[in-house]
Amino acid sequence: MADSVQELMEAMVPELKELVDHNILSQTEVKALIKKRTDFEYRLRRRAADRRDFAKYVEYETALDSLIKKRKTRLGVKKGKLSNFSCSRQIHFIFDRSVKKFKAD
């Protein structure tokens, strides 16, 4: 379980690095983001994962996406290929896993 969560976190490094390089997020914010995402991933990976855990994670990622978009427009940042769809991709990935986990619903 820890290995798969670690792999997911490592896959996010280029996107997060790009956000820091363009001054959209600070280093402190990225550390908090990684901690929050890690906590959510461990909640989703446990045996008794709940629908509310998936919903909270999606809610968090949606809020993060809107924050990043607002900061990009405020700072006038248009470049950055990796971070443009990182939150949307993450939200889609969470929904996909929830559908696979709760097939009956």
N, C-alpha and C. Protein backbone atom coordinates (compact mmCIF):
# COMPACT_ATOMS: atom_id res chain seq x y z
N MET A 1 0.83 -1.19 0.00
CA MET A 1 0.00 0.00 0.00
C MET A 1 0.88 1.26 0.00
N ALA A 2 1.89 1.27 0.82
CA ALA A 2 2.76 2.44 0.91
C ALA A 2 3.52 2.67 -0.39
N ASP A 3 3.89 1.57 -1.05
CA ASP A 3 4.63 1.69 -2.30
C ASP A 3 3.78 2.35 -3.38
N SER A 4 2.52 1.96 -3.47
CA SER A 4 1.66 2.54 -4.51
C SER A 4 1.37 4.01 -4.24
N VAL A 5 1.21 4.37 -2.98
CA VAL A 5 0.99 5.78 -2.63
C VAL A 5 2.25 6.57 -2.94
N GLN A 6 3.40 6.02 -2.64
CA GLN A 6 4.67 6.69 -2.92
C GLN A 6 4.85 6.90 -4.43
N GLU A 7 4.48 5.92 -5.22
CA GLU A 7 4.57 6.05 -6.69
C GLU A 7 3.68 7.17 -7.19
N LEU A 8 2.46 7.26 -6.65
CA LEU A 8 1.56 8.34 -7.05
C LEU A 8 2.14 9.71 -6.70
N MET A 9 2.72 9.82 -5.52
CA MET A 9 3.31 11.09 -5.09
C MET A 9 4.51 11.46 -5.97
N GLU A 10 5.31 10.48 -6.32
CA GLU A 10 6.46 10.74 -7.18
C GLU A 10 6.04 11.15 -8.58
N ALA A 11 4.93 10.65 -9.06
CA ALA A 11 4.44 11.02 -10.38
C ALA A 11 3.96 12.48 -10.42
N MET A 12 3.64 13.04 -9.27
CA MET A 12 3.15 14.42 -9.20
C MET A 12 4.28 15.44 -9.12
N VAL A 13 5.50 14.99 -8.92
CA VAL A 13 6.63 15.91 -8.71
C VAL A 13 6.83 16.90 -9.86
N PRO A 14 6.84 16.47 -11.14
CA PRO A 14 7.06 17.46 -12.21
C PRO A 14 5.99 18.56 -12.25
N GLU A 15 4.73 18.20 -12.01
CA GLU A 15 3.66 19.19 -12.02
C GLU A 15 3.83 20.19 -10.88
N LEU A 16 4.15 19.67 -9.70
CA LEU A 16 4.32 20.54 -8.53
C LEU A 16 5.55 21.42 -8.68
N LYS A 17 6.60 20.88 -9.26
CA LYS A 17 7.81 21.66 -9.50
C LYS A 17 7.51 22.82 -10.45
N GLU A 18 6.71 22.55 -11.45
CA GLU A 18 6.34 23.60 -12.40
C GLU A 18 5.54 24.70 -11.72
N LEU A 19 4.64 24.33 -10.82
CA LEU A 19 3.86 25.33 -10.09
C LEU A 19 4.75 26.20 -9.21
N VAL A 20 5.77 25.62 -8.61
CA VAL A 20 6.70 26.39 -7.79
C VAL A 20 7.59 27.27 -8.67
N ASP A 21 8.04 26.73 -9.80
CA ASP A 21 8.91 27.50 -10.70
C ASP A 21 8.22 28.74 -11.26
N HIS A 22 6.92 28.65 -11.48
CA HIS A 22 6.16 29.79 -12.00
C HIS A 22 5.57 30.66 -10.88
N ASN A 23 5.97 30.37 -9.64
CA ASN A 23 5.53 31.12 -8.45
C ASN A 23 4.01 31.12 -8.26
N ILE A 24 3.37 30.05 -8.68
CA ILE A 24 1.93 29.90 -8.47
C ILE A 24 1.67 29.38 -7.07
N LEU A 25 2.49 28.45 -6.62
CA LEU A 25 2.44 27.93 -5.25
C LEU A 25 3.81 28.10 -4.62
N SER A 26 3.82 28.33 -3.32
CA SER A 26 5.09 28.43 -2.60
C SER A 26 5.54 27.03 -2.20
N GLN A 27 6.78 26.95 -1.76
CA GLN A 27 7.33 25.67 -1.31
C GLN A 27 6.55 25.13 -0.11
N THR A 28 6.15 26.02 0.78
CA THR A 28 5.37 25.62 1.96
C THR A 28 4.00 25.07 1.55
N GLU A 29 3.38 25.73 0.59
CA GLU A 29 2.06 25.27 0.11
C GLU A 29 2.18 23.91 -0.55
N VAL A 30 3.26 23.69 -1.28
CA VAL A 30 3.45 22.40 -1.94
C VAL A 30 3.66 21.29 -0.91
N LYS A 31 4.40 21.58 0.14
CA LYS A 31 4.60 20.58 1.19
C LYS A 31 3.27 20.22 1.85
N ALA A 32 2.44 21.23 2.11
CA ALA A 32 1.12 20.99 2.70
C ALA A 32 0.23 20.20 1.73
N LEU A 33 0.32 20.53 0.46
CA LEU A 33 -0.45 19.83 -0.57
C LEU A 33 -0.05 18.36 -0.63
N ILE A 34 1.24 18.09 -0.59
CA ILE A 34 1.72 16.71 -0.63
C ILE A 34 1.25 15.94 0.59
N LYS A 35 1.32 16.56 1.74
CA LYS A 35 0.86 15.90 2.97
C LYS A 35 -0.63 15.59 2.90
N LYS A 36 -1.41 16.55 2.43
CA LYS A 36 -2.86 16.36 2.33
C LYS A 36 -3.19 15.26 1.32
N ARG A 37 -2.54 15.30 0.16
CA ARG A 37 -2.79 14.26 -0.84
C ARG A 37 -2.38 12.88 -0.34
N THR A 38 -1.26 12.81 0.38
CA THR A 38 -0.82 11.53 0.93
C THR A 38 -1.83 11.00 1.93
N ASP A 39 -2.32 11.87 2.79
CA ASP A 39 -3.35 11.45 3.75
C ASP A 39 -4.59 10.92 3.04
N PHE A 40 -5.04 11.65 2.02
CA PHE A 40 -6.21 11.20 1.27
C PHE A 40 -5.96 9.86 0.59
N GLU A 41 -4.78 9.70 0.00
CA GLU A 41 -4.47 8.44 -0.69
C GLU A 41 -4.47 7.26 0.28
N TYR A 42 -3.92 7.46 1.45
CA TYR A 42 -3.94 6.37 2.44
C TYR A 42 -5.37 6.05 2.88
N ARG A 43 -6.20 7.06 2.98
CA ARG A 43 -7.62 6.81 3.33
C ARG A 43 -8.30 6.00 2.25
N LEU A 44 -8.00 6.31 0.99
CA LEU A 44 -8.66 5.60 -0.11
C LEU A 44 -8.12 4.18 -0.28
N ARG A 45 -6.91 3.94 0.14
CA ARG A 45 -6.29 2.63 -0.03
C ARG A 45 -6.64 1.63 1.08
N ARG A 46 -7.17 2.11 2.18
CA ARG A 46 -7.48 1.18 3.26
C ARG A 46 -8.66 0.28 2.86
N ARG A 47 -8.84 -0.78 3.58
CA ARG A 47 -9.88 -1.75 3.22
C ARG A 47 -11.28 -1.18 3.33
N ALA A 48 -11.53 -0.42 4.35
CA ALA A 48 -12.87 0.11 4.60
C ALA A 48 -13.00 1.55 4.10
N ALA A 49 -12.54 1.81 2.88
CA ALA A 49 -12.67 3.16 2.33
C ALA A 49 -14.15 3.50 2.16
N ASP A 50 -14.46 4.72 2.45
CA ASP A 50 -15.85 5.17 2.42
C ASP A 50 -16.06 6.12 1.25
N ARG A 51 -17.29 6.21 0.79
CA ARG A 51 -17.63 7.13 -0.29
C ARG A 51 -17.32 8.57 0.09
N ARG A 52 -17.49 8.88 1.37
CA ARG A 52 -17.22 10.24 1.84
C ARG A 52 -15.75 10.61 1.69
N ASP A 53 -14.87 9.63 1.83
CA ASP A 53 -13.44 9.89 1.64
C ASP A 53 -13.16 10.31 0.19
N PHE A 54 -13.77 9.60 -0.74
CA PHE A 54 -13.62 9.97 -2.15
C PHE A 54 -14.20 11.36 -2.40
N ALA A 55 -15.36 11.64 -1.84
CA ALA A 55 -16.02 12.93 -2.04
C ALA A 55 -15.19 14.07 -1.46
N LYS A 56 -14.62 13.86 -0.28
CA LYS A 56 -13.79 14.89 0.34
C LYS A 56 -12.53 15.16 -0.48
N TYR A 57 -11.96 14.11 -1.02
CA TYR A 57 -10.77 14.26 -1.84
C TYR A 57 -11.08 15.04 -3.11
N VAL A 58 -12.19 14.71 -3.75
CA VAL A 58 -12.60 15.44 -4.95
C VAL A 58 -12.88 16.90 -4.63
N GLU A 59 -13.52 17.14 -3.50
CA GLU A 59 -13.81 18.50 -3.07
C GLU A 59 -12.51 19.29 -2.86
N TYR A 60 -11.53 18.66 -2.22
CA TYR A 60 -10.24 19.30 -1.99
C TYR A 60 -9.55 19.63 -3.32
N GLU A 61 -9.53 18.68 -4.24
CA GLU A 61 -8.87 18.89 -5.53
C GLU A 61 -9.58 19.96 -6.36
N THR A 62 -10.90 20.02 -6.26
CA THR A 62 -11.65 21.05 -6.98
C THR A 62 -11.31 22.44 -6.43
N ALA A 63 -11.23 22.56 -5.12
CA ALA A 63 -10.84 23.84 -4.52
C ALA A 63 -9.42 24.21 -4.90
N LEU A 64 -8.54 23.25 -4.93
CA LEU A 64 -7.16 23.50 -5.34
C LEU A 64 -7.09 23.95 -6.79
N ASP A 65 -7.86 23.31 -7.64
CA ASP A 65 -7.89 23.67 -9.05
C ASP A 65 -8.35 25.11 -9.24
N SER A 66 -9.40 25.51 -8.53
CA SER A 66 -9.88 26.89 -8.67
C SER A 66 -8.85 27.88 -8.13
N LEU A 67 -8.15 27.53 -7.05
CA LEU A 67 -7.10 28.39 -6.51
C LEU A 67 -5.97 28.58 -7.52
N ILE A 68 -5.54 27.49 -8.14
CA ILE A 68 -4.46 27.57 -9.12
C ILE A 68 -4.88 28.40 -10.33
N LYS A 69 -6.10 28.21 -10.79
CA LYS A 69 -6.59 29.00 -11.93
C LYS A 69 -6.64 30.49 -11.60
N LYS A 70 -7.11 30.82 -10.41
CA LYS A 70 -7.17 32.23 -10.00
C LYS A 70 -5.77 32.83 -9.92
N ARG A 71 -4.85 32.10 -9.36
CA ARG A 71 -3.48 32.61 -9.25
C ARG A 71 -2.83 32.75 -10.62
N LYS A 72 -3.11 31.83 -11.51
CA LYS A 72 -2.55 31.93 -12.86
C LYS A 72 -3.06 33.17 -13.58
N THR A 73 -4.35 33.43 -13.45
CA THR A 73 -4.90 34.62 -14.10
C THR A 73 -4.38 35.89 -13.45
N ARG A 74 -4.25 35.90 -12.13
CA ARG A 74 -3.75 37.07 -11.43
C ARG A 74 -2.29 37.36 -11.79
N LEU A 75 -1.50 36.30 -11.91
CA LEU A 75 -0.09 36.46 -12.23
C LEU A 75 0.16 36.55 -13.73
N GLY A 76 -0.84 36.23 -14.53
CA GLY A 76 -0.69 36.28 -15.98
C GLY A 76 0.15 35.14 -16.53
N VAL A 77 0.13 34.02 -15.87
CA VAL A 77 0.89 32.85 -16.31
C VAL A 77 0.05 32.06 -17.29
N LYS A 78 0.57 31.90 -18.51
CA LYS A 78 -0.16 31.13 -19.51
C LYS A 78 0.59 29.86 -19.89
N LYS A 79 1.90 29.87 -19.65
CA LYS A 79 2.67 28.68 -19.98
C LYS A 79 2.62 27.68 -18.84
N GLY A 80 3.10 26.52 -19.11
CA GLY A 80 3.07 25.47 -18.10
C GLY A 80 2.20 24.33 -18.56
N LYS A 81 2.74 23.46 -19.32
CA LYS A 81 1.96 22.39 -19.93
C LYS A 81 1.54 21.32 -18.93
N LEU A 82 2.40 21.01 -17.99
CA LEU A 82 2.09 19.92 -17.06
C LEU A 82 1.00 20.29 -16.07
N SER A 83 1.05 21.50 -15.57
CA SER A 83 0.12 21.88 -14.50
C SER A 83 -1.23 22.35 -14.99
N ASN A 84 -1.41 22.50 -16.30
CA ASN A 84 -2.69 22.98 -16.81
C ASN A 84 -3.85 22.04 -16.48
N PHE A 85 -3.61 20.77 -16.54
CA PHE A 85 -4.68 19.80 -16.34
C PHE A 85 -4.40 18.84 -15.19
N SER A 86 -3.45 19.18 -14.34
CA SER A 86 -3.06 18.25 -13.29
C SER A 86 -4.20 17.98 -12.31
N CYS A 87 -4.91 19.02 -11.88
CA CYS A 87 -6.02 18.81 -10.93
C CYS A 87 -7.19 18.10 -11.60
N SER A 88 -7.47 18.46 -12.84
CA SER A 88 -8.56 17.79 -13.57
C SER A 88 -8.26 16.32 -13.75
N ARG A 89 -7.01 16.01 -14.08
CA ARG A 89 -6.60 14.62 -14.23
C ARG A 89 -6.71 13.88 -12.91
N GLN A 90 -6.32 14.56 -11.83
CA GLN A 90 -6.39 13.96 -10.49
C GLN A 90 -7.85 13.69 -10.10
N ILE A 91 -8.74 14.63 -10.36
CA ILE A 91 -10.17 14.46 -10.05
C ILE A 91 -10.74 13.29 -10.84
N HIS A 92 -10.39 13.22 -12.12
CA HIS A 92 -10.87 12.12 -12.95
C HIS A 92 -10.36 10.78 -12.42
N PHE A 93 -9.11 10.75 -11.99
CA PHE A 93 -8.51 9.53 -11.45
C PHE A 93 -9.22 9.10 -10.17
N ILE A 94 -9.58 10.05 -9.32
CA ILE A 94 -10.31 9.74 -8.07
C ILE A 94 -11.69 9.18 -8.39
N PHE A 95 -12.41 9.84 -9.31
CA PHE A 95 -13.74 9.36 -9.70
C PHE A 95 -13.65 7.97 -10.30
N ASP A 96 -12.66 7.74 -11.11
CA ASP A 96 -12.49 6.44 -11.75
C ASP A 96 -12.30 5.34 -10.70
N ARG A 97 -11.47 5.60 -9.70
CA ARG A 97 -11.25 4.62 -8.64
C ARG A 97 -12.50 4.41 -7.80
N SER A 98 -13.27 5.47 -7.56
CA SER A 98 -14.49 5.32 -6.76
C SER A 98 -15.52 4.49 -7.50
N VAL A 99 -15.60 4.65 -8.81
CA VAL A 99 -16.54 3.86 -9.60
C VAL A 99 -16.14 2.38 -9.57
N LYS A 100 -14.84 2.12 -9.65
CA LYS A 100 -14.37 0.73 -9.60
C LYS A 100 -14.59 0.12 -8.22
N LYS A 101 -14.43 0.90 -7.18
CA LYS A 101 -14.56 0.39 -5.81
C LYS A 101 -16.02 0.15 -5.45
N PHE A 102 -16.91 1.04 -5.87
CA PHE A 102 -18.34 0.94 -5.54
C PHE A 102 -19.14 0.66 -6.80
N LYS A 103 -18.94 -0.50 -7.38
CA LYS A 103 -19.60 -0.86 -8.63
C LYS A 103 -21.11 -0.94 -8.51
N ALA A 104 -21.60 -1.35 -7.39
CA ALA A 104 -23.03 -1.56 -7.21
C ALA A 104 -23.82 -0.26 -7.17
N ASP A 105 -23.15 0.83 -6.85
CA ASP A 105 -23.87 2.10 -6.74
C ASP A 105 -23.94 2.74 -8.06
